[in-house]
């Protein structure tokens, strides 16, 4: 999905991530030994080894960025880091996401990601 920002009749403009947005994402990726696997840029394409905390920090940082108009999320559906393997009944709960309390960009969820 992150690679589909340009088509024959459309193009999404992606602003670069300022340090104030990218730094919390980089720190969290480092905490989970994912920094060498993920290029922190816009669009952000997280590794299937990313857990719920990585998603929450990344989503929150982007929602807080005044230059971002919308946040679209999608998840690799079968990953043990998110408890979405078939033996877990595909349950994904990102529980620390806070509902918007101010004027911020919309969070668009791809099927399979439940906040």
C-alpha atoms as a PDB file:
ATOM      1  CA  UNK A   1       0.000   0.000   0.000  1.00  0.00           C
ATOM      2  CA  UNK A   2       2.813   2.436   0.815  1.00  0.00           C
ATOM      3  CA  UNK A   3       4.151   2.068  -2.710  1.00  0.00           C
ATOM      4  CA  UNK A   4       0.835   2.878  -4.430  1.00  0.00           C
ATOM      5  CA  UNK A   5       1.009   6.656  -4.117  1.00  0.00           C
ATOM      6  CA  UNK A   6       1.290   7.339  -7.838  1.00  0.00           C
ATOM      7  CA  UNK A   7      -0.888   6.007 -10.631  1.00  0.00           C
ATOM      8  CA  UNK A   8      -1.723   6.855 -14.218  1.00  0.00           C
ATOM      9  CA  UNK A   9      -4.332   9.436 -13.157  1.00  0.00           C
ATOM     10  CA  UNK A  10      -3.414  10.320  -9.571  1.00  0.00           C
ATOM     11  CA  UNK A  11      -0.534  11.145  -7.289  1.00  0.00           C
ATOM     12  CA  UNK A  12      -0.560  11.578  -3.534  1.00  0.00           C
ATOM     13  CA  UNK A  13       1.754  14.232  -2.198  1.00  0.00           C
ATOM     14  CA  UNK A  14       3.685  13.055   0.809  1.00  0.00           C
ATOM     15  CA  UNK A  15       5.436  15.705   2.888  1.00  0.00           C
ATOM     16  CA  UNK A  16       8.777  14.668   4.374  1.00  0.00           C
ATOM     17  CA  UNK A  17       8.606  13.832   8.071  1.00  0.00           C
ATOM     18  CA  UNK A  18      10.147  16.542  10.237  1.00  0.00           C
ATOM     19  CA  UNK A  19      12.395  15.409  13.084  1.00  0.00           C
ATOM     20  CA  UNK A  20       9.697  16.182  15.660  1.00  0.00           C
ATOM     21  CA  UNK A  21       7.550  13.496  13.970  1.00  0.00           C
ATOM     22  CA  UNK A  22      10.291  11.048  12.948  1.00  0.00           C
ATOM     23  CA  UNK A  23      12.290  11.046  16.209  1.00  0.00           C
ATOM     24  CA  UNK A  24       9.701   9.238  18.399  1.00  0.00           C
ATOM     25  CA  UNK A  25       9.258   6.652  15.642  1.00  0.00           C
ATOM     26  CA  UNK A  26      13.031   6.156  15.356  1.00  0.00           C
ATOM     27  CA  UNK A  27      13.379   5.823  19.145  1.00  0.00           C
ATOM     28  CA  UNK A  28      10.637   3.214  19.338  1.00  0.00           C
ATOM     29  CA  UNK A  29      12.024   1.268  16.394  1.00  0.00           C
ATOM     30  CA  UNK A  30      15.410   1.281  18.146  1.00  0.00           C
ATOM     31  CA  UNK A  31      13.872  -0.027  21.378  1.00  0.00           C
ATOM     32  CA  UNK A  32      12.557  -3.049  19.485  1.00  0.00           C
ATOM     33  CA  UNK A  33      15.679  -3.572  17.332  1.00  0.00           C
ATOM     34  CA  UNK A  34      13.869  -2.581  14.136  1.00  0.00           C
ATOM     35  CA  UNK A  35      15.783   0.610  13.313  1.00  0.00           C
ATOM     36  CA  UNK A  36      17.927  -1.076  10.662  1.00  0.00           C
ATOM     37  CA  UNK A  37      14.835  -2.626   9.012  1.00  0.00           C
ATOM     38  CA  UNK A  38      12.583   0.430   8.659  1.00  0.00           C
ATOM     39  CA  UNK A  39      13.315   3.628   6.757  1.00  0.00           C
ATOM     40  CA  UNK A  40      11.523   6.378   8.700  1.00  0.00           C
ATOM     41  CA  UNK A  41       9.975   8.473   5.947  1.00  0.00           C
ATOM     42  CA  UNK A  42       6.590   9.268   4.509  1.00  0.00           C
ATOM     43  CA  UNK A  43       4.970   6.920   3.612  1.00  0.00           C
ATOM     44  CA  UNK A  44       6.071   4.786   6.551  1.00  0.00           C
ATOM     45  CA  UNK A  45       6.219   1.080   5.761  1.00  0.00           C
ATOM     46  CA  UNK A  46       6.609  -0.835   9.027  1.00  0.00           C
ATOM     47  CA  UNK A  47       8.216  -4.255   9.174  1.00  0.00           C
ATOM     48  CA  UNK A  48       6.003  -7.283   9.996  1.00  0.00           C
ATOM     49  CA  UNK A  49       8.049  -7.622  13.203  1.00  0.00           C
ATOM     50  CA  UNK A  50       6.597  -4.326  14.490  1.00  0.00           C
ATOM     51  CA  UNK A  51       4.425  -4.770  17.553  1.00  0.00           C
ATOM     52  CA  UNK A  52       1.455  -2.758  18.805  1.00  0.00           C
ATOM     53  CA  UNK A  53       3.634  -0.160  20.548  1.00  0.00           C
ATOM     54  CA  UNK A  54       5.482   0.603  17.312  1.00  0.00           C
ATOM     55  CA  UNK A  55       2.148   1.105  15.531  1.00  0.00           C
ATOM     56  CA  UNK A  56       0.715   3.275  18.311  1.00  0.00           C
ATOM     57  CA  UNK A  57       3.783   5.539  18.521  1.00  0.00           C
ATOM     58  CA  UNK A  58       3.949   5.853  14.729  1.00  0.00           C
ATOM     59  CA  UNK A  59       0.246   6.618  14.329  1.00  0.00           C
ATOM     60  CA  UNK A  60       0.251   9.098  17.220  1.00  0.00           C
ATOM     61  CA  UNK A  61       3.342  10.926  15.900  1.00  0.00           C
ATOM     62  CA  UNK A  62       1.746  11.299  12.473  1.00  0.00           C
ATOM     63  CA  UNK A  63      -1.629  12.396  13.852  1.00  0.00           C
ATOM     64  CA  UNK A  64       0.176  15.087  15.851  1.00  0.00           C
ATOM     65  CA  UNK A  65       2.002  16.430  12.762  1.00  0.00           C
ATOM     66  CA  UNK A  66       0.184  19.530  11.445  1.00  0.00           C
ATOM     67  CA  UNK A  67       1.550  18.896   7.915  1.00  0.00           C
ATOM     68  CA  UNK A  68      -0.206  15.520   7.603  1.00  0.00           C
ATOM     69  CA  UNK A  69      -3.802  15.620   6.369  1.00  0.00           C
ATOM     70  CA  UNK A  70      -4.684  11.939   6.876  1.00  0.00           C
ATOM     71  CA  UNK A  71      -3.188   8.772   8.311  1.00  0.00           C
ATOM     72  CA  UNK A  72      -3.938   5.472   6.568  1.00  0.00           C
ATOM     73  CA  UNK A  73      -3.067   2.257   8.402  1.00  0.00           C
ATOM     74  CA  UNK A  74      -2.826  -1.291   7.188  1.00  0.00           C
ATOM     75  CA  UNK A  75      -1.300  -4.339   8.825  1.00  0.00           C
ATOM     76  CA  UNK A  76       0.290  -7.537   7.570  1.00  0.00           C
ATOM     77  CA  UNK A  77      -2.516  -9.797   8.776  1.00  0.00           C
ATOM     78  CA  UNK A  78      -0.542 -12.823   9.974  1.00  0.00           C
ATOM     79  CA  UNK A  79       2.116 -11.776  12.474  1.00  0.00           C
ATOM     80  CA  UNK A  80       2.730 -13.068  15.980  1.00  0.00           C
ATOM     81  CA  UNK A  81       3.926  -9.590  17.087  1.00  0.00           C
ATOM     82  CA  UNK A  82       0.345  -8.371  16.734  1.00  0.00           C
ATOM     83  CA  UNK A  83      -1.400 -11.581  17.839  1.00  0.00           C
ATOM     84  CA  UNK A  84      -2.956 -11.965  14.393  1.00  0.00           C
ATOM     85  CA  UNK A  85      -1.896 -15.526  13.626  1.00  0.00           C
ATOM     86  CA  UNK A  86      -4.684 -18.034  12.829  1.00  0.00           C
ATOM     87  CA  UNK A  87      -4.389 -19.646  16.271  1.00  0.00           C
ATOM     88  CA  UNK A  88      -5.210 -16.268  17.852  1.00  0.00           C
ATOM     89  CA  UNK A  89      -8.400 -15.728  15.793  1.00  0.00           C
ATOM     90  CA  UNK A  90      -6.889 -12.672  14.097  1.00  0.00           C
ATOM     91  CA  UNK A  91      -7.409 -10.496  17.137  1.00  0.00           C
ATOM     92  CA  UNK A  92      -5.597  -7.196  16.990  1.00  0.00           C
ATOM     93  CA  UNK A  93      -6.246  -4.614  19.633  1.00  0.00           C
ATOM     94  CA  UNK A  94      -4.156  -1.487  19.820  1.00  0.00           C
ATOM     95  CA  UNK A  95      -5.399  -0.474  23.224  1.00  0.00           C
ATOM     96  CA  UNK A  96      -3.269   2.568  23.934  1.00  0.00           C
ATOM     97  CA  UNK A  97      -4.605   4.574  20.996  1.00  0.00           C
ATOM     98  CA  UNK A  98      -6.387   7.637  22.284  1.00  0.00           C
ATOM     99  CA  UNK A  99      -9.488   8.924  20.561  1.00  0.00           C
ATOM    100  CA  UNK A 100      -9.047  12.339  18.972  1.00  0.00           C
ATOM    101  CA  UNK A 101      -9.767  15.163  21.392  1.00  0.00           C
ATOM    102  CA  UNK A 102      -8.819  18.020  19.076  1.00  0.00           C
ATOM    103  CA  UNK A 103      -8.847  18.928  15.419  1.00  0.00           C
ATOM    104  CA  UNK A 104      -6.481  16.388  13.890  1.00  0.00           C
ATOM    105  CA  UNK A 105      -6.226  14.443  10.623  1.00  0.00           C
ATOM    106  CA  UNK A 106      -8.532  11.483  10.120  1.00  0.00           C
ATOM    107  CA  UNK A 107      -7.235   8.000  10.857  1.00  0.00           C
ATOM    108  CA  UNK A 108      -8.287   5.684   8.041  1.00  0.00           C
ATOM    109  CA  UNK A 109      -8.118   2.009   8.937  1.00  0.00           C
ATOM    110  CA  UNK A 110      -7.615  -0.766   6.447  1.00  0.00           C
ATOM    111  CA  UNK A 111      -9.661  -3.923   7.165  1.00  0.00           C
ATOM    112  CA  UNK A 112      -7.885  -6.059   9.729  1.00  0.00           C
ATOM    113  CA  UNK A 113      -6.630  -3.225  11.914  1.00  0.00           C
ATOM    114  CA  UNK A 114      -8.875  -2.498  14.862  1.00  0.00           C
ATOM    115  CA  UNK A 115      -8.044   0.421  17.116  1.00  0.00           C
END
